Amino acid sequence: MTLGEMEITFSEGCSECMGAETALEAGIALRDVLIRAKTENRLTCGVYQAAKKLDVDPERVMLCIHADLCMENVPLQLHFALMEAFCWENQIKLLKVGDTEALRQLCADVPLTSDEEAEEDAELPESQSLEPSPWRHQSEDFSCILVEVPAKMDAACHTLLAHYMHLSEAETFPHITLAT
């Protein structure tokens, strides 16, 4: 079963209101989903890393998060437009979050390389191995984050997906304010 086939049910009050309290619940649920995904090593941070992950394994992606920035960086805008189209076509849920600093605080220290890439580096002779450097092992780009599908969906995931379904009725790519 893929995430697109999962049935999301709303509580009776959720489908009727999207006030400040419900928006806060969505922000809290997003924060909780990100924290859990970080502890379970299910986050991919960075535009380039996210594009690679989407190319190789899109069915494992539960959620794509873009920083909703007023960008003057045209290449980044093009990357986002292509990723949005890819997510739309592959039925991957995409959220926009306005506060990149909140994403940075929550997702700090997420490894840049996958476990497989780290193992490949470890197998290289010392003369060929790359010097350890912070950019090699931790992402500095929090403008795009992918969250992989968890082994077991928890209450925060269900809450976030229910809010997403409700919000996506009004906006193609909903905007959620991340609770800090």
Protein backbone atom coordinates (compact mmCIF):
# COMPACT_ATOMS: atom_id res chain seq x y z
CA MET A 1 0.00 0.00 0.00
CA THR A 2 1.39 3.39 -0.94
CA LEU A 3 0.76 6.56 0.96
CA GLY A 4 -1.49 7.81 -1.83
CA GLU A 5 -3.77 4.79 -1.24
CA MET A 6 -4.02 5.35 2.53
CA GLU A 7 -7.41 6.40 3.74
CA ILE A 8 -7.34 9.48 5.94
CA THR A 9 -10.36 10.19 8.09
CA PHE A 10 -11.23 13.50 9.67
CA SER A 11 -12.56 14.00 13.12
CA GLU A 12 -15.97 15.62 12.91
CA GLY A 13 -14.74 19.05 13.95
CA CYS A 14 -11.65 19.10 11.74
CA SER A 15 -13.41 19.16 8.38
CA GLU A 16 -15.66 22.04 9.38
CA CYS A 17 -13.14 24.48 10.78
CA MET A 18 -9.68 25.66 9.91
CA GLY A 19 -9.28 28.36 12.51
CA ALA A 20 -6.24 29.37 14.50
CA GLU A 21 -6.50 26.36 16.83
CA THR A 22 -6.58 23.87 13.96
CA ALA A 23 -3.70 25.64 12.20
CA LEU A 24 -1.71 25.42 15.42
CA GLU A 25 -2.50 21.68 15.64
CA ALA A 26 -1.17 21.24 12.09
CA GLY A 27 2.04 23.11 12.99
CA ILE A 28 2.52 21.00 16.11
CA ALA A 29 1.84 17.79 14.17
CA LEU A 30 4.40 18.82 11.52
CA ARG A 31 6.97 19.55 14.23
CA ASP A 32 6.34 16.16 15.86
CA VAL A 33 6.56 14.34 12.50
CA LEU A 34 9.88 16.05 11.73
CA ILE A 35 11.33 15.26 15.16
CA ARG A 36 10.35 11.60 14.91
CA ALA A 37 11.62 11.34 11.32
CA LYS A 38 14.92 12.88 12.38
CA THR A 39 15.39 10.37 15.20
CA GLU A 40 14.54 7.52 12.81
CA ASN A 41 16.89 8.85 10.08
CA ARG A 42 14.01 9.37 7.62
CA LEU A 43 14.81 12.96 6.60
CA THR A 44 16.55 14.19 3.49
CA CYS A 45 17.55 17.85 3.62
CA GLY A 46 18.62 20.01 0.70
CA VAL A 47 17.33 20.66 -2.78
CA TYR A 48 19.97 18.56 -4.54
CA GLN A 49 19.71 15.63 -2.09
CA ALA A 50 15.90 15.72 -2.26
CA ALA A 51 15.96 15.66 -6.06
CA LYS A 52 18.28 12.64 -5.99
CA LYS A 53 16.01 10.85 -3.50
CA LEU A 54 12.88 11.62 -5.54
CA ASP A 55 14.59 10.31 -8.68
CA VAL A 56 15.69 7.05 -7.07
CA ASP A 57 12.97 6.18 -4.56
CA PRO A 58 9.83 8.39 -4.78
CA GLU A 59 7.47 5.74 -3.38
CA ARG A 60 9.20 5.95 0.02
CA VAL A 61 8.53 9.70 0.34
CA MET A 62 5.60 10.61 2.56
CA LEU A 63 6.00 14.37 2.44
CA CYS A 64 8.01 17.05 0.70
CA ILE A 65 8.45 20.36 2.54
CA HIS A 66 9.53 23.56 0.79
CA ALA A 67 10.45 26.78 2.46
CA ASP A 68 7.95 29.30 1.12
CA LEU A 69 10.44 32.08 0.52
CA CYS A 70 10.25 35.21 -1.56
CA MET A 71 13.25 34.11 -3.54
CA GLU A 72 15.24 36.10 -5.98
CA ASN A 73 17.30 32.97 -6.63
CA VAL A 74 15.98 31.94 -10.05
CA PRO A 75 17.72 28.53 -10.17
CA LEU A 76 16.20 27.63 -6.79
CA GLN A 77 12.77 28.74 -8.01
CA LEU A 78 13.18 26.47 -11.03
CA HIS A 79 14.21 23.53 -8.83
CA PHE A 80 11.16 24.10 -6.66
CA ALA A 81 8.85 24.32 -9.68
CA LEU A 82 10.22 21.05 -11.05
CA MET A 83 9.93 19.33 -7.67
CA GLU A 84 6.37 20.60 -7.25
CA ALA A 85 5.46 19.18 -10.66
CA PHE A 86 7.15 15.88 -9.82
CA CYS A 87 5.36 15.67 -6.46
CA TRP A 88 2.03 16.49 -8.10
CA GLU A 89 2.52 13.86 -10.78
CA ASN A 90 3.61 11.18 -8.29
CA GLN A 91 0.98 12.07 -5.67
CA ILE A 92 3.56 13.08 -3.08
CA LYS A 93 2.19 15.50 -0.53
CA LEU A 94 3.97 18.86 -0.61
CA LEU A 95 3.75 21.48 2.12
CA LYS A 96 5.15 24.97 2.22
CA VAL A 97 6.58 26.32 5.45
CA GLY A 98 7.38 30.00 5.86
CA ASP A 99 10.04 29.81 8.55
CA THR A 100 13.29 28.30 7.26
CA GLU A 101 15.00 29.02 10.59
CA ALA A 102 12.48 26.84 12.43
CA LEU A 103 13.21 24.04 9.94
CA ARG A 104 16.93 24.57 10.49
CA GLN A 105 16.54 24.31 14.27
CA LEU A 106 14.43 21.15 14.09
CA CYS A 107 16.44 19.39 11.42
CA ALA A 108 19.96 20.44 12.36
CA ASP A 109 22.58 17.67 12.27
CA VAL A 110 20.72 15.60 9.67
CA PRO A 111 23.36 13.64 7.74
CA LEU A 112 23.99 14.82 4.21
CA THR A 113 25.06 11.42 2.96
CA SER A 114 23.02 8.26 3.12
CA ASP A 115 24.20 5.25 5.12
CA GLU A 116 25.19 3.51 1.87
CA GLU A 117 27.35 6.46 0.78
CA ALA A 118 28.97 6.60 4.22
CA GLU A 119 29.78 2.87 3.99
CA GLU A 120 31.30 3.36 0.52
CA ASP A 121 33.49 6.17 1.89
CA ALA A 122 34.60 3.97 4.77
CA GLU A 123 35.74 1.28 2.31
CA LEU A 124 38.08 3.65 0.45
CA PRO A 125 41.80 3.47 1.25
CA GLU A 126 42.94 6.32 3.49
CA SER A 127 44.83 7.94 0.61
CA GLN A 128 41.57 8.18 -1.41
CA SER A 129 39.12 8.95 1.37
CA LEU A 130 37.82 12.45 1.67
CA GLU A 131 38.73 14.51 4.68
CA PRO A 132 35.82 14.76 7.08
CA SER A 133 34.16 18.11 6.76
CA PRO A 134 30.88 19.48 8.11
CA TRP A 135 29.36 20.06 4.66
CA ARG A 136 30.00 16.45 3.70
CA HIS A 137 28.14 14.98 6.66
CA GLN A 138 25.48 17.54 7.58
CA SER A 139 23.09 19.47 5.44
CA GLU A 140 23.14 23.25 5.51
CA ASP A 141 20.23 23.57 3.09
CA PHE A 142 16.85 23.46 4.79
CA SER A 143 14.83 24.98 1.96
CA CYS A 144 13.63 21.51 0.91
CA ILE A 145 13.09 18.51 3.18
CA LEU A 146 11.75 15.06 2.38
CA VAL A 147 10.17 12.85 5.02
CA GLU A 148 10.12 9.14 4.29
CA VAL A 149 7.12 6.97 5.14
CA PRO A 150 7.50 5.57 8.68
CA ALA A 151 7.31 1.88 9.46
CA LYS A 152 4.25 2.66 11.60
CA MET A 153 2.07 5.75 11.35
CA ASP A 154 1.60 7.55 14.67
CA ALA A 155 -1.00 10.09 15.80
CA ALA A 156 1.11 13.05 14.63
CA CYS A 157 1.34 11.59 11.10
CA HIS A 158 -2.40 10.97 10.95
CA THR A 159 -3.14 14.47 12.27
CA LEU A 160 -0.76 16.12 9.81
CA LEU A 161 -2.11 14.15 6.85
CA ALA A 162 -5.70 14.93 7.84
CA HIS A 163 -4.88 18.65 8.02
CA TYR A 164 -3.05 18.37 4.69
CA MET A 165 -6.09 16.79 3.03
CA HIS A 166 -8.32 19.56 4.37
CA LEU A 167 -5.94 22.36 3.41
CA SER A 168 -5.27 20.96 -0.05
CA GLU A 169 -8.94 21.49 -0.91
CA ALA A 170 -8.24 25.25 -0.90
CA GLU A 171 -4.57 25.30 -2.00
CA THR A 172 -2.68 22.92 -4.26
CA PHE A 173 0.37 23.07 -2.00
CA PRO A 174 -0.81 24.08 1.48
CA HIS A 175 1.13 26.43 3.72
CA ILE A 176 1.59 25.44 7.37
CA THR A 177 3.26 27.47 10.08
CA LEU A 178 5.70 25.21 11.88
CA ALA A 179 5.24 25.22 15.66
CA THR A 180 8.48 25.83 17.54
